[in-house]
Amino acid sequence: MDSEFVVVTTVQGEIEEQQVRAFLEAHHIPTAVRGEALRKTHAFVLDGLGEVTVLVPPEHVDAARDLIAKVESGELELPSEALESDNADD
């Protein structure tokens, strides 16, 4: 599957991975990850060991990179109410 997908970002740790994937998937962009095995077997994210690449299908690369860039620049953000309601579901 990875050969059909393209890397759009690299993140550190499971929380950041889940946030990015949920954000992209909320915009109807399918995701996959690569590099999570070491994190799952050793349970730490020190000095790049928890690095995970987030991948999307080629036809979604431009949209995914655009969305990620808008988040990084502060143009887009997840409202705090959404974060609170997501945490209440746990």
C-alpha atoms as a PDB file:
ATOM      1  CA  MET A   1       0.000   0.000   0.000  1.00  0.00           C
ATOM      2  CA  ASP A   2       2.830   2.480   0.797  1.00  0.00           C
ATOM      3  CA  SER A   3       3.981   2.415  -2.847  1.00  0.00           C
ATOM      4  CA  GLU A   4       0.627   3.886  -3.860  1.00  0.00           C
ATOM      5  CA  PHE A   5       0.718   6.585  -1.172  1.00  0.00           C
ATOM      6  CA  VAL A   6       2.854   9.741  -0.919  1.00  0.00           C
ATOM      7  CA  VAL A   7       4.432  11.245   2.228  1.00  0.00           C
ATOM      8  CA  VAL A   8       2.847  14.587   3.116  1.00  0.00           C
ATOM      9  CA  THR A   9       4.316  15.172   6.589  1.00  0.00           C
ATOM     10  CA  THR A  10       6.424  13.651   9.340  1.00  0.00           C
ATOM     11  CA  VAL A  11       5.275  13.825  12.953  1.00  0.00           C
ATOM     12  CA  GLN A  12       6.557  12.831  16.373  1.00  0.00           C
ATOM     13  CA  GLY A  13       4.494  10.590  18.590  1.00  0.00           C
ATOM     14  CA  GLU A  14       1.107   8.982  18.541  1.00  0.00           C
ATOM     15  CA  ILE A  15      -0.880  12.029  19.641  1.00  0.00           C
ATOM     16  CA  GLU A  16       0.423  14.202  16.817  1.00  0.00           C
ATOM     17  CA  GLU A  17      -0.073  11.335  14.357  1.00  0.00           C
ATOM     18  CA  GLN A  18      -3.690  10.893  15.426  1.00  0.00           C
ATOM     19  CA  GLN A  19      -4.372  14.623  15.213  1.00  0.00           C
ATOM     20  CA  VAL A  20      -2.989  14.919  11.687  1.00  0.00           C
ATOM     21  CA  ARG A  21      -4.741  11.788  10.469  1.00  0.00           C
ATOM     22  CA  ALA A  22      -8.082  12.781  11.994  1.00  0.00           C
ATOM     23  CA  PHE A  23      -7.783  16.264  10.518  1.00  0.00           C
ATOM     24  CA  LEU A  24      -7.046  14.969   7.017  1.00  0.00           C
ATOM     25  CA  GLU A  25      -9.684  12.257   7.202  1.00  0.00           C
ATOM     26  CA  ALA A  26     -12.252  14.854   8.337  1.00  0.00           C
ATOM     27  CA  HIS A  27     -11.505  16.532   5.002  1.00  0.00           C
ATOM     28  CA  HIS A  28     -12.150  13.225   3.183  1.00  0.00           C
ATOM     29  CA  ILE A  29      -8.460  12.498   2.616  1.00  0.00           C
ATOM     30  CA  PRO A  30      -7.529   8.846   3.297  1.00  0.00           C
ATOM     31  CA  THR A  31      -4.316   8.345   5.274  1.00  0.00           C
ATOM     32  CA  ALA A  32      -1.766   5.692   6.081  1.00  0.00           C
ATOM     33  CA  VAL A  33       1.342   5.795   8.277  1.00  0.00           C
ATOM     34  CA  ARG A  34       4.810   4.348   8.132  1.00  0.00           C
ATOM     35  CA  GLY A  35       7.343   4.070  10.947  1.00  0.00           C
ATOM     36  CA  GLU A  36       5.111   3.276  13.886  1.00  0.00           C
ATOM     37  CA  ALA A  37       6.586  -0.138  14.692  1.00  0.00           C
ATOM     38  CA  LEU A  38       9.481   1.126  16.833  1.00  0.00           C
ATOM     39  CA  ARG A  39       7.189   3.397  18.830  1.00  0.00           C
ATOM     40  CA  LYS A  40       4.775   0.555  19.488  1.00  0.00           C
ATOM     41  CA  THR A  41       7.486  -1.890  20.589  1.00  0.00           C
ATOM     42  CA  HIS A  42       9.570   0.533  22.669  1.00  0.00           C
ATOM     43  CA  ALA A  43       6.849   3.009  23.809  1.00  0.00           C
ATOM     44  CA  PHE A  44       8.928   6.174  23.663  1.00  0.00           C
ATOM     45  CA  VAL A  45       9.568   9.024  21.264  1.00  0.00           C
ATOM     46  CA  LEU A  46      13.085  10.247  21.946  1.00  0.00           C
ATOM     47  CA  ASP A  47      15.334  11.913  19.385  1.00  0.00           C
ATOM     48  CA  GLY A  48      13.350  10.904  16.321  1.00  0.00           C
ATOM     49  CA  LEU A  49      12.652   7.329  17.391  1.00  0.00           C
ATOM     50  CA  GLY A  50       8.914   8.040  17.483  1.00  0.00           C
ATOM     51  CA  GLU A  51       8.919   9.574  14.033  1.00  0.00           C
ATOM     52  CA  VAL A  52       5.998   8.601  11.826  1.00  0.00           C
ATOM     53  CA  THR A  53       5.367   9.611   8.232  1.00  0.00           C
ATOM     54  CA  VAL A  54       1.796  10.356   7.227  1.00  0.00           C
ATOM     55  CA  LEU A  55       0.922   9.294   3.702  1.00  0.00           C
ATOM     56  CA  VAL A  56      -2.026   9.981   1.393  1.00  0.00           C
ATOM     57  CA  PRO A  57      -3.044   8.769  -2.071  1.00  0.00           C
ATOM     58  CA  PRO A  58      -1.393  10.727  -4.915  1.00  0.00           C
ATOM     59  CA  GLU A  59      -4.634  12.412  -5.961  1.00  0.00           C
ATOM     60  CA  HIS A  60      -4.942  13.985  -2.468  1.00  0.00           C
ATOM     61  CA  VAL A  61      -1.344  15.188  -2.022  1.00  0.00           C
ATOM     62  CA  ASP A  62      -1.919  18.832  -2.985  1.00  0.00           C
ATOM     63  CA  ALA A  63      -5.033  19.182  -0.834  1.00  0.00           C
ATOM     64  CA  ALA A  64      -3.359  17.499   2.166  1.00  0.00           C
ATOM     65  CA  ARG A  65      -0.223  19.630   1.942  1.00  0.00           C
ATOM     66  CA  ASP A  66      -2.345  22.762   1.572  1.00  0.00           C
ATOM     67  CA  LEU A  67      -4.396  21.906   4.673  1.00  0.00           C
ATOM     68  CA  ILE A  68      -1.265  21.091   6.703  1.00  0.00           C
ATOM     69  CA  ALA A  69       0.372  24.360   5.607  1.00  0.00           C
ATOM     70  CA  LYS A  70      -2.720  26.316   6.655  1.00  0.00           C
ATOM     71  CA  VAL A  71      -2.656  24.696  10.098  1.00  0.00           C
ATOM     72  CA  GLU A  72       1.069  25.380  10.503  1.00  0.00           C
ATOM     73  CA  SER A  73       0.603  29.038   9.488  1.00  0.00           C
ATOM     74  CA  GLY A  74      -2.316  29.465  11.893  1.00  0.00           C
ATOM     75  CA  GLU A  75      -4.931  29.969   9.154  1.00  0.00           C
ATOM     76  CA  LEU A  76      -6.843  26.886  10.338  1.00  0.00           C
ATOM     77  CA  GLU A  77      -7.242  25.422  13.785  1.00  0.00           C
ATOM     78  CA  LEU A  78      -9.494  23.000  15.574  1.00  0.00           C
ATOM     79  CA  PRO A  79     -11.939  24.917  17.812  1.00  0.00           C
ATOM     80  CA  SER A  80     -11.405  24.277  21.515  1.00  0.00           C
ATOM     81  CA  GLU A  81     -15.050  23.173  21.869  1.00  0.00           C
ATOM     82  CA  ALA A  82     -14.350  20.298  19.485  1.00  0.00           C
ATOM     83  CA  LEU A  83     -11.330  19.256  21.531  1.00  0.00           C
ATOM     84  CA  GLU A  84     -13.369  19.305  24.737  1.00  0.00           C
ATOM     85  CA  SER A  85     -16.184  17.232  23.242  1.00  0.00           C
ATOM     86  CA  ASP A  86     -13.676  14.715  21.835  1.00  0.00           C
ATOM     87  CA  ASN A  87     -12.078  14.318  25.267  1.00  0.00           C
ATOM     88  CA  ALA A  88     -15.493  13.855  26.887  1.00  0.00           C
ATOM     89  CA  ASP A  89     -16.064  10.778  24.711  1.00  0.00           C
ATOM     90  CA  ASP A  90     -13.035   8.975  26.221  1.00  0.00           C
END
